[in-house]
């Protein structure tokens, strides 16, 4: 059971960072392209930050 928890938490951590990095890159590109998708990308950044926070909260 502990191995499953560790696997799930590491998957959440990796997905959180993946979402965060690519949404920041997308936000920068969107700002250069007249900011069409800024609200969506800021929402996705908040989801990535939530996943990273969730990992840190449950892993300690």
PDB file of N, CA and C in Angstrom:
ATOM      1  N   UNK A   1       0.816  -1.192   0.000  1.00  0.00           N
ATOM      2  CA  UNK A   1       0.000   0.000   0.000  1.00  0.00           C
ATOM      3  C   UNK A   1       0.862   1.259   0.000  1.00  0.00           C
ATOM      4  N   UNK A   2       1.986   1.221   0.703  1.00  0.00           N
ATOM      5  CA  UNK A   2       2.876   2.376   0.739  1.00  0.00           C
ATOM      6  C   UNK A   2       3.493   2.612  -0.633  1.00  0.00           C
ATOM      7  N   UNK A   3       3.807   1.533  -1.344  1.00  0.00           N
ATOM      8  CA  UNK A   3       4.377   1.681  -2.685  1.00  0.00           C
ATOM      9  C   UNK A   3       3.375   2.336  -3.631  1.00  0.00           C
ATOM     10  N   UNK A   4       2.106   1.992  -3.500  1.00  0.00           N
ATOM     11  CA  UNK A   4       1.075   2.611  -4.339  1.00  0.00           C
ATOM     12  C   UNK A   4       0.954   4.099  -4.037  1.00  0.00           C
ATOM     13  N   UNK A   5       1.016   4.447  -2.753  1.00  0.00           N
ATOM     14  CA  UNK A   5       0.945   5.859  -2.364  1.00  0.00           C
ATOM     15  C   UNK A   5       2.137   6.622  -2.916  1.00  0.00           C
ATOM     16  N   UNK A   6       3.324   6.060  -2.801  1.00  0.00           N
ATOM     17  CA  UNK A   6       4.522   6.718  -3.324  1.00  0.00           C
ATOM     18  C   UNK A   6       4.449   6.869  -4.841  1.00  0.00           C
ATOM     19  N   UNK A   7       3.965   5.845  -5.522  1.00  0.00           N
ATOM     20  CA  UNK A   7       3.824   5.915  -6.975  1.00  0.00           C
ATOM     21  C   UNK A   7       2.834   7.001  -7.368  1.00  0.00           C
ATOM     22  N   UNK A   8       1.697   7.047  -6.685  1.00  0.00           N
ATOM     23  CA  UNK A   8       0.674   8.051  -6.988  1.00  0.00           C
ATOM     24  C   UNK A   8       1.190   9.454  -6.718  1.00  0.00           C
ATOM     25  N   UNK A   9       1.867   9.637  -5.594  1.00  0.00           N
ATOM     26  CA  UNK A   9       2.391  10.961  -5.270  1.00  0.00           C
ATOM     27  C   UNK A   9       3.467  11.401  -6.253  1.00  0.00           C
ATOM     28  N   UNK A  10       4.325  10.481  -6.662  1.00  0.00           N
ATOM     29  CA  UNK A  10       5.349  10.862  -7.634  1.00  0.00           C
ATOM     30  C   UNK A  10       4.731  11.175  -8.985  1.00  0.00           C
ATOM     31  N   UNK A  11       3.683  10.468  -9.353  1.00  0.00           N
ATOM     32  CA  UNK A  11       2.984  10.761 -10.604  1.00  0.00           C
ATOM     33  C   UNK A  11       2.318  12.134 -10.541  1.00  0.00           C
ATOM     34  N   UNK A  12       1.699  12.458  -9.415  1.00  0.00           N
ATOM     35  CA  UNK A  12       1.086  13.777  -9.231  1.00  0.00           C
ATOM     36  C   UNK A  12       2.152  14.864  -9.305  1.00  0.00           C
ATOM     37  N   UNK A  13       3.303  14.624  -8.706  1.00  0.00           N
ATOM     38  CA  UNK A  13       4.392  15.594  -8.719  1.00  0.00           C
ATOM     39  C   UNK A  13       4.900  15.841 -10.138  1.00  0.00           C
ATOM     40  N   UNK A  14       5.116  14.775 -10.895  1.00  0.00           N
ATOM     41  CA  UNK A  14       5.612  14.905 -12.267  1.00  0.00           C
ATOM     42  C   UNK A  14       4.587  15.600 -13.150  1.00  0.00           C
ATOM     43  N   UNK A  15       3.337  15.211 -13.040  1.00  0.00           N
ATOM     44  CA  UNK A  15       2.281  15.842 -13.845  1.00  0.00           C
ATOM     45  C   UNK A  15       2.133  17.315 -13.469  1.00  0.00           C
ATOM     46  N   UNK A  16       2.235  17.627 -12.190  1.00  0.00           N
ATOM     47  CA  UNK A  16       2.140  19.012 -11.744  1.00  0.00           C
ATOM     48  C   UNK A  16       3.229  19.884 -12.337  1.00  0.00           C
ATOM     49  N   UNK A  17       4.468  19.403 -12.304  1.00  0.00           N
ATOM     50  CA  UNK A  17       5.564  20.179 -12.893  1.00  0.00           C
ATOM     51  C   UNK A  17       5.441  20.256 -14.405  1.00  0.00           C
ATOM     52  N   UNK A  18       5.014  19.183 -15.035  1.00  0.00           N
ATOM     53  CA  UNK A  18       4.816  19.179 -16.484  1.00  0.00           C
ATOM     54  C   UNK A  18       3.785  20.234 -16.882  1.00  0.00           C
ATOM     55  N   UNK A  19       2.658  20.252 -16.186  1.00  0.00           N
ATOM     56  CA  UNK A  19       1.609  21.234 -16.465  1.00  0.00           C
ATOM     57  C   UNK A  19       2.130  22.641 -16.223  1.00  0.00           C
ATOM     58  N   UNK A  20       2.831  22.833 -15.123  1.00  0.00           N
ATOM     59  CA  UNK A  20       3.326  24.158 -14.770  1.00  0.00           C
ATOM     60  C   UNK A  20       4.311  24.691 -15.807  1.00  0.00           C
ATOM     61  N   UNK A  21       5.274  23.890 -16.205  1.00  0.00           N
ATOM     62  CA  UNK A  21       6.293  24.346 -17.158  1.00  0.00           C
ATOM     63  C   UNK A  21       5.683  24.651 -18.513  1.00  0.00           C
ATOM     64  N   UNK A  22       4.871  23.748 -19.030  1.00  0.00           N
ATOM     65  CA  UNK A  22       4.321  23.974 -20.360  1.00  0.00           C
ATOM     66  C   UNK A  22       3.271  25.078 -20.385  1.00  0.00           C
ATOM     67  N   UNK A  23       2.571  25.290 -19.290  1.00  0.00           N
ATOM     68  CA  UNK A  23       1.615  26.398 -19.284  1.00  0.00           C
ATOM     69  C   UNK A  23       2.322  27.741 -19.152  1.00  0.00           C
ATOM     70  N   UNK A  24       3.456  27.797 -18.467  1.00  0.00           N
ATOM     71  CA  UNK A  24       4.230  29.040 -18.418  1.00  0.00           C
ATOM     72  C   UNK A  24       4.794  29.359 -19.792  1.00  0.00           C
ATOM     73  N   UNK A  25       5.311  28.351 -20.482  1.00  0.00           N
ATOM     74  CA  UNK A  25       5.787  28.565 -21.854  1.00  0.00           C
ATOM     75  C   UNK A  25       4.634  29.013 -22.747  1.00  0.00           C
ATOM     76  N   UNK A  26       3.490  28.384 -22.612  1.00  0.00           N
ATOM     77  CA  UNK A  26       2.318  28.778 -23.392  1.00  0.00           C
ATOM     78  C   UNK A  26       1.856  30.180 -23.064  1.00  0.00           C
ATOM     79  N   UNK A  27       1.965  30.573 -21.802  1.00  0.00           N
ATOM     80  CA  UNK A  27       1.593  31.928 -21.397  1.00  0.00           C
ATOM     81  C   UNK A  27       2.511  32.961 -22.040  1.00  0.00           C
ATOM     82  N   UNK A  28       3.793  32.680 -22.072  1.00  0.00           N
ATOM     83  CA  UNK A  28       4.743  33.598 -22.705  1.00  0.00           C
ATOM     84  C   UNK A  28       4.455  33.720 -24.191  1.00  0.00           C
ATOM     85  N   UNK A  29       4.218  32.600 -24.851  1.00  0.00           N
ATOM     86  CA  UNK A  29       3.889  32.629 -26.278  1.00  0.00           C
ATOM     87  C   UNK A  29       2.577  33.368 -26.507  1.00  0.00           C
ATOM     88  N   UNK A  30       1.607  33.147 -25.651  1.00  0.00           N
ATOM     89  CA  UNK A  30       0.311  33.806 -25.793  1.00  0.00           C
ATOM     90  C   UNK A  30       0.423  35.315 -25.602  1.00  0.00           C
ATOM     91  N   UNK A  31       1.285  35.739 -24.703  1.00  0.00           N
ATOM     92  CA  UNK A  31       1.465  37.178 -24.508  1.00  0.00           C
ATOM     93  C   UNK A  31       2.078  37.833 -25.741  1.00  0.00           C
ATOM     94  N   UNK A  32       2.962  37.123 -26.425  1.00  0.00           N
ATOM     95  CA  UNK A  32       3.521  37.649 -27.670  1.00  0.00           C
ATOM     96  C   UNK A  32       2.503  37.619 -28.802  1.00  0.00           C
ATOM     97  N   UNK A  33       1.501  36.749 -28.696  1.00  0.00           N
ATOM     98  CA  UNK A  33       0.465  36.640 -29.727  1.00  0.00           C
ATOM     99  C   UNK A  33      -0.815  37.346 -29.295  1.00  0.00           C
ATOM    100  N   UNK A  34      -0.678  38.488 -28.674  1.00  0.00           N
ATOM    101  CA  UNK A  34      -1.778  39.362 -28.270  1.00  0.00           C
ATOM    102  C   UNK A  34      -2.620  38.809 -27.129  1.00  0.00           C
ATOM    103  N   UNK A  35      -2.119  37.874 -26.372  1.00  0.00           N
ATOM    104  CA  UNK A  35      -2.778  37.418 -25.150  1.00  0.00           C
ATOM    105  C   UNK A  35      -4.140  36.778 -25.319  1.00  0.00           C
ATOM    106  N   UNK A  36      -4.288  35.939 -26.319  1.00  0.00           N
ATOM    107  CA  UNK A  36      -5.588  35.340 -26.601  1.00  0.00           C
ATOM    108  C   UNK A  36      -6.001  34.347 -25.509  1.00  0.00           C
ATOM    109  N   UNK A  37      -5.085  33.524 -25.046  1.00  0.00           N
ATOM    110  CA  UNK A  37      -5.423  32.445 -24.115  1.00  0.00           C
ATOM    111  C   UNK A  37      -4.873  32.680 -22.712  1.00  0.00           C
ATOM    112  N   UNK A  38      -4.694  33.933 -22.308  1.00  0.00           N
ATOM    113  CA  UNK A  38      -4.059  34.226 -21.026  1.00  0.00           C
ATOM    114  C   UNK A  38      -4.865  33.660 -19.856  1.00  0.00           C
ATOM    115  N   UNK A  39      -6.171  33.850 -19.846  1.00  0.00           N
ATOM    116  CA  UNK A  39      -6.987  33.379 -18.719  1.00  0.00           C
ATOM    117  C   UNK A  39      -6.936  31.859 -18.590  1.00  0.00           C
ATOM    118  N   UNK A  40      -7.005  31.175 -19.700  1.00  0.00           N
ATOM    119  CA  UNK A  40      -6.963  29.703 -19.673  1.00  0.00           C
ATOM    120  C   UNK A  40      -5.618  29.225 -19.143  1.00  0.00           C
ATOM    121  N   UNK A  41      -4.538  29.841 -19.615  1.00  0.00           N
ATOM    122  CA  UNK A  41      -3.213  29.402 -19.182  1.00  0.00           C
ATOM    123  C   UNK A  41      -2.948  29.733 -17.715  1.00  0.00           C
ATOM    124  N   UNK A  42      -3.462  30.856 -17.238  1.00  0.00           N
ATOM    125  CA  UNK A  42      -3.316  31.171 -15.814  1.00  0.00           C
ATOM    126  C   UNK A  42      -4.094  30.155 -14.975  1.00  0.00           C
ATOM    127  N   UNK A  43      -5.239  29.723 -15.447  1.00  0.00           N
ATOM    128  CA  UNK A  43      -6.002  28.687 -14.747  1.00  0.00           C
ATOM    129  C   UNK A  43      -5.233  27.367 -14.718  1.00  0.00           C
ATOM    130  N   UNK A  44      -4.596  27.030 -15.816  1.00  0.00           N
ATOM    131  CA  UNK A  44      -3.816  25.790 -15.882  1.00  0.00           C
ATOM    132  C   UNK A  44      -2.595  25.886 -14.971  1.00  0.00           C
ATOM    133  N   UNK A  45      -1.967  27.060 -14.901  1.00  0.00           N
ATOM    134  CA  UNK A  45      -0.840  27.247 -13.986  1.00  0.00           C
ATOM    135  C   UNK A  45      -1.291  27.016 -12.548  1.00  0.00           C
ATOM    136  N   UNK A  46      -2.468  27.497 -12.200  1.00  0.00           N
ATOM    137  CA  UNK A  46      -2.962  27.291 -10.835  1.00  0.00           C
ATOM    138  C   UNK A  46      -3.227  25.811 -10.559  1.00  0.00           C
ATOM    139  N   UNK A  47      -3.660  25.070 -11.557  1.00  0.00           N
ATOM    140  CA  UNK A  47      -3.851  23.621 -11.385  1.00  0.00           C
ATOM    141  C   UNK A  47      -2.509  22.935 -11.148  1.00  0.00           C
ATOM    142  N   UNK A  48      -1.492  23.319 -11.917  1.00  0.00           N
ATOM    143  CA  UNK A  48      -0.156  22.761 -11.717  1.00  0.00           C
ATOM    144  C   UNK A  48       0.387  23.067 -10.336  1.00  0.00           C
ATOM    145  N   UNK A  49       0.206  24.308  -9.880  1.00  0.00           N
ATOM    146  CA  UNK A  49       0.654  24.675  -8.537  1.00  0.00           C
ATOM    147  C   UNK A  49      -0.113  23.906  -7.464  1.00  0.00           C
ATOM    148  N   UNK A  50      -1.400  23.677  -7.687  1.00  0.00           N
ATOM    149  CA  UNK A  50      -2.189  22.899  -6.731  1.00  0.00           C
ATOM    150  C   UNK A  50      -1.676  21.464  -6.647  1.00  0.00           C
ATOM    151  N   UNK A  51      -1.352  20.860  -7.778  1.00  0.00           N
ATOM    152  CA  UNK A  51      -0.854  19.481  -7.760  1.00  0.00           C
ATOM    153  C   UNK A  51       0.479  19.387  -7.027  1.00  0.00           C
ATOM    154  N   UNK A  52       1.353  20.367  -7.238  1.00  0.00           N
ATOM    155  CA  UNK A  52       2.638  20.360  -6.540  1.00  0.00           C
ATOM    156  C   UNK A  52       2.425  20.561  -5.041  1.00  0.00           C
ATOM    157  N   UNK A  53       1.521  21.468  -4.678  1.00  0.00           N
ATOM    158  CA  UNK A  53       1.209  21.681  -3.264  1.00  0.00           C
ATOM    159  C   UNK A  53       0.608  20.413  -2.644  1.00  0.00           C
ATOM    160  N   UNK A  54      -0.277  19.751  -3.378  1.00  0.00           N
ATOM    161  CA  UNK A  54      -0.905  18.518  -2.911  1.00  0.00           C
ATOM    162  C   UNK A  54       0.148  17.447  -2.646  1.00  0.00           C
ATOM    163  N   UNK A  55       1.128  17.333  -3.537  1.00  0.00           N
ATOM    164  CA  UNK A  55       2.211  16.374  -3.350  1.00  0.00           C
ATOM    165  C   UNK A  55       2.989  16.685  -2.075  1.00  0.00           C
ATOM    166  N   UNK A  56       3.354  17.949  -1.911  1.00  0.00           N
ATOM    167  CA  UNK A  56       4.151  18.322  -0.741  1.00  0.00           C
ATOM    168  C   UNK A  56       3.360  18.151   0.555  1.00  0.00           C
ATOM    169  N   UNK A  57       2.070  18.411   0.505  1.00  0.00           N
ATOM    170  CA  UNK A  57       1.232  18.276   1.700  1.00  0.00           C
ATOM    171  C   UNK A  57       1.121  16.808   2.127  1.00  0.00           C
ATOM    172  N   UNK A  58       0.951  15.901   1.184  1.00  0.00           N
ATOM    173  CA  UNK A  58       0.756  14.489   1.528  1.00  0.00           C
ATOM    174  C   UNK A  58       2.055  13.712   1.706  1.00  0.00           C
ATOM    175  N   UNK A  59       3.155  14.216   1.177  1.00  0.00           N
ATOM    176  CA  UNK A  59       4.390  13.446   1.271  1.00  0.00           C
ATOM    177  C   UNK A  59       5.124  13.677   2.588  1.00  0.00           C
ATOM    178  N   UNK A  60       4.732  14.667   3.354  1.00  0.00           N
ATOM    179  CA  UNK A  60       5.444  14.938   4.611  1.00  0.00           C
ATOM    180  C   UNK A  60       4.591  14.660   5.803  1.00  0.00           C
TER     181      UNK A  60
END
